[in-house]
Amino acid sequence: MKVLKFGAEWCSGCIIMKPRWKEIEEELPDLKTEYYDYDQEQEMVEKYKIDQTLPTFVFLDQEDQEITRLSGEPSKEELLRLIEKYKDQ
């Protein structure tokens, strides 16, 4: 499983989520995550149909197929629940 994180410098929710994701990534070093800037990475933004509802987190399985996505500022606990649920996909 991999999580794509879409955000932007002007996004207040993205600023809130940065330390939350940093904690998760430190606790789960095997978790693959990639960050894409909404204003800089248009190819990825279009590929995953990301609108201006940021931040958006796209969970992918091992074949890079979308499992689920979240937008906004989910709690660390909610993110950990989803990671645990989908970790073997």
C-alpha atoms as a PDB file:
ATOM      1  CA  MET A   1       0.000   0.000   0.000  1.00  0.00           C
ATOM      2  CA  LYS A   2       1.057   3.555  -0.713  1.00  0.00           C
ATOM      3  CA  VAL A   3      -0.458   6.923   0.235  1.00  0.00           C
ATOM      4  CA  LEU A   4      -0.318   9.872  -2.139  1.00  0.00           C
ATOM      5  CA  LYS A   5      -0.563  13.179  -0.296  1.00  0.00           C
ATOM      6  CA  PHE A   6      -1.794  16.160  -2.298  1.00  0.00           C
ATOM      7  CA  GLY A   7      -1.439  19.648  -0.855  1.00  0.00           C
ATOM      8  CA  ALA A   8      -0.374  23.220  -1.536  1.00  0.00           C
ATOM      9  CA  GLU A   9       1.592  25.968   0.172  1.00  0.00           C
ATOM     10  CA  TRP A  10      -1.553  28.118   0.465  1.00  0.00           C
ATOM     11  CA  CYS A  11      -3.581  25.317   2.102  1.00  0.00           C
ATOM     12  CA  SER A  12      -4.017  25.795   5.860  1.00  0.00           C
ATOM     13  CA  GLY A  13      -5.224  22.200   6.318  1.00  0.00           C
ATOM     14  CA  CYS A  14      -2.056  20.974   4.611  1.00  0.00           C
ATOM     15  CA  ILE A  15       0.049  22.836   7.165  1.00  0.00           C
ATOM     16  CA  ILE A  16      -1.945  21.193   9.967  1.00  0.00           C
ATOM     17  CA  MET A  17      -1.474  17.728   8.441  1.00  0.00           C
ATOM     18  CA  LYS A  18       2.317  17.910   7.903  1.00  0.00           C
ATOM     19  CA  PRO A  19       3.315  17.118  11.524  1.00  0.00           C
ATOM     20  CA  ARG A  20       0.566  14.486  11.766  1.00  0.00           C
ATOM     21  CA  TRP A  21       1.943  12.651   8.731  1.00  0.00           C
ATOM     22  CA  LYS A  22       5.515  13.113   9.963  1.00  0.00           C
ATOM     23  CA  GLU A  23       4.618  11.291  13.201  1.00  0.00           C
ATOM     24  CA  ILE A  24       2.915   8.475  11.293  1.00  0.00           C
ATOM     25  CA  GLU A  25       5.834   8.107   8.880  1.00  0.00           C
ATOM     26  CA  GLU A  26       8.303   7.956  11.797  1.00  0.00           C
ATOM     27  CA  GLU A  27       6.191   5.330  13.584  1.00  0.00           C
ATOM     28  CA  LEU A  28       5.665   3.272  10.401  1.00  0.00           C
ATOM     29  CA  PRO A  29       8.933   3.460   8.437  1.00  0.00           C
ATOM     30  CA  ASP A  30       7.730   0.810   5.946  1.00  0.00           C
ATOM     31  CA  LEU A  31       4.747   2.943   4.900  1.00  0.00           C
ATOM     32  CA  LYS A  32       5.274   4.381   1.431  1.00  0.00           C
ATOM     33  CA  THR A  33       4.080   7.957   0.996  1.00  0.00           C
ATOM     34  CA  GLU A  34       4.557  10.490  -1.764  1.00  0.00           C
ATOM     35  CA  TYR A  35       3.755  14.211  -1.604  1.00  0.00           C
ATOM     36  CA  TYR A  36       2.522  16.179  -4.610  1.00  0.00           C
ATOM     37  CA  ASP A  37       2.070  19.933  -4.693  1.00  0.00           C
ATOM     38  CA  TYR A  38      -1.266  20.892  -6.247  1.00  0.00           C
ATOM     39  CA  ASP A  39       0.238  23.862  -8.083  1.00  0.00           C
ATOM     40  CA  GLN A  40       3.433  22.141  -9.255  1.00  0.00           C
ATOM     41  CA  GLU A  41       2.428  18.565 -10.135  1.00  0.00           C
ATOM     42  CA  GLN A  42      -0.404  19.022 -12.644  1.00  0.00           C
ATOM     43  CA  GLU A  43       0.110  15.632 -14.268  1.00  0.00           C
ATOM     44  CA  MET A  44      -0.498  13.787 -10.977  1.00  0.00           C
ATOM     45  CA  VAL A  45      -3.315  16.169  -9.984  1.00  0.00           C
ATOM     46  CA  GLU A  46      -5.114  15.392 -13.250  1.00  0.00           C
ATOM     47  CA  LYS A  47      -4.337  11.668 -13.134  1.00  0.00           C
ATOM     48  CA  TYR A  48      -5.982  11.322  -9.713  1.00  0.00           C
ATOM     49  CA  LYS A  49      -8.692  13.929 -10.387  1.00  0.00           C
ATOM     50  CA  ILE A  50      -7.745  16.113  -7.427  1.00  0.00           C
ATOM     51  CA  ASP A  51      -9.854  19.238  -7.067  1.00  0.00           C
ATOM     52  CA  GLN A  52      -9.108  22.212  -4.830  1.00  0.00           C
ATOM     53  CA  THR A  53     -10.403  20.332  -1.789  1.00  0.00           C
ATOM     54  CA  LEU A  54      -7.050  19.997  -0.083  1.00  0.00           C
ATOM     55  CA  PRO A  55      -5.366  18.222   1.478  1.00  0.00           C
ATOM     56  CA  THR A  56      -6.378  14.986  -0.236  1.00  0.00           C
ATOM     57  CA  PHE A  57      -4.882  11.582   0.571  1.00  0.00           C
ATOM     58  CA  VAL A  58      -5.194   8.766  -1.970  1.00  0.00           C
ATOM     59  CA  PHE A  59      -4.585   5.222  -0.714  1.00  0.00           C
ATOM     60  CA  LEU A  60      -3.273   2.846  -3.401  1.00  0.00           C
ATOM     61  CA  ASP A  61      -2.874  -0.918  -3.386  1.00  0.00           C
ATOM     62  CA  GLN A  62       0.248  -2.747  -4.581  1.00  0.00           C
ATOM     63  CA  GLU A  63      -0.876  -2.403  -8.209  1.00  0.00           C
ATOM     64  CA  ASP A  64      -1.330   1.368  -7.784  1.00  0.00           C
ATOM     65  CA  GLN A  65      -5.112   1.047  -7.913  1.00  0.00           C
ATOM     66  CA  GLU A  66      -7.057   3.417  -5.679  1.00  0.00           C
ATOM     67  CA  ILE A  67      -8.495   1.807  -2.543  1.00  0.00           C
ATOM     68  CA  THR A  68      -9.944   4.898  -0.890  1.00  0.00           C
ATOM     69  CA  ARG A  69      -9.304   8.609  -0.407  1.00  0.00           C
ATOM     70  CA  LEU A  70      -9.739  11.201   2.307  1.00  0.00           C
ATOM     71  CA  SER A  71      -9.867  14.971   2.158  1.00  0.00           C
ATOM     72  CA  GLY A  72      -9.499  17.521   4.890  1.00  0.00           C
ATOM     73  CA  GLU A  73      -7.842  17.013   8.254  1.00  0.00           C
ATOM     74  CA  PRO A  74      -8.444  13.451   9.460  1.00  0.00           C
ATOM     75  CA  SER A  75      -7.142  12.603  12.909  1.00  0.00           C
ATOM     76  CA  LYS A  76      -3.977  10.605  13.340  1.00  0.00           C
ATOM     77  CA  GLU A  77      -6.109   7.784  14.753  1.00  0.00           C
ATOM     78  CA  GLU A  78      -8.353   7.749  11.679  1.00  0.00           C
ATOM     79  CA  LEU A  79      -5.330   7.631   9.371  1.00  0.00           C
ATOM     80  CA  LEU A  80      -3.760   4.814  11.397  1.00  0.00           C
ATOM     81  CA  ARG A  81      -7.037   2.831  11.235  1.00  0.00           C
ATOM     82  CA  LEU A  82      -7.100   3.115   7.441  1.00  0.00           C
ATOM     83  CA  ILE A  83      -3.425   2.233   7.127  1.00  0.00           C
ATOM     84  CA  GLU A  84      -3.957  -0.844   9.292  1.00  0.00           C
ATOM     85  CA  LYS A  85      -7.083  -1.823   7.329  1.00  0.00           C
ATOM     86  CA  TYR A  86      -5.409  -1.588   3.921  1.00  0.00           C
ATOM     87  CA  LYS A  87      -1.746  -2.315   4.720  1.00  0.00           C
ATOM     88  CA  ASP A  88      -1.698  -5.744   3.024  1.00  0.00           C
ATOM     89  CA  GLN A  89      -3.394  -4.637  -0.181  1.00  0.00           C
END
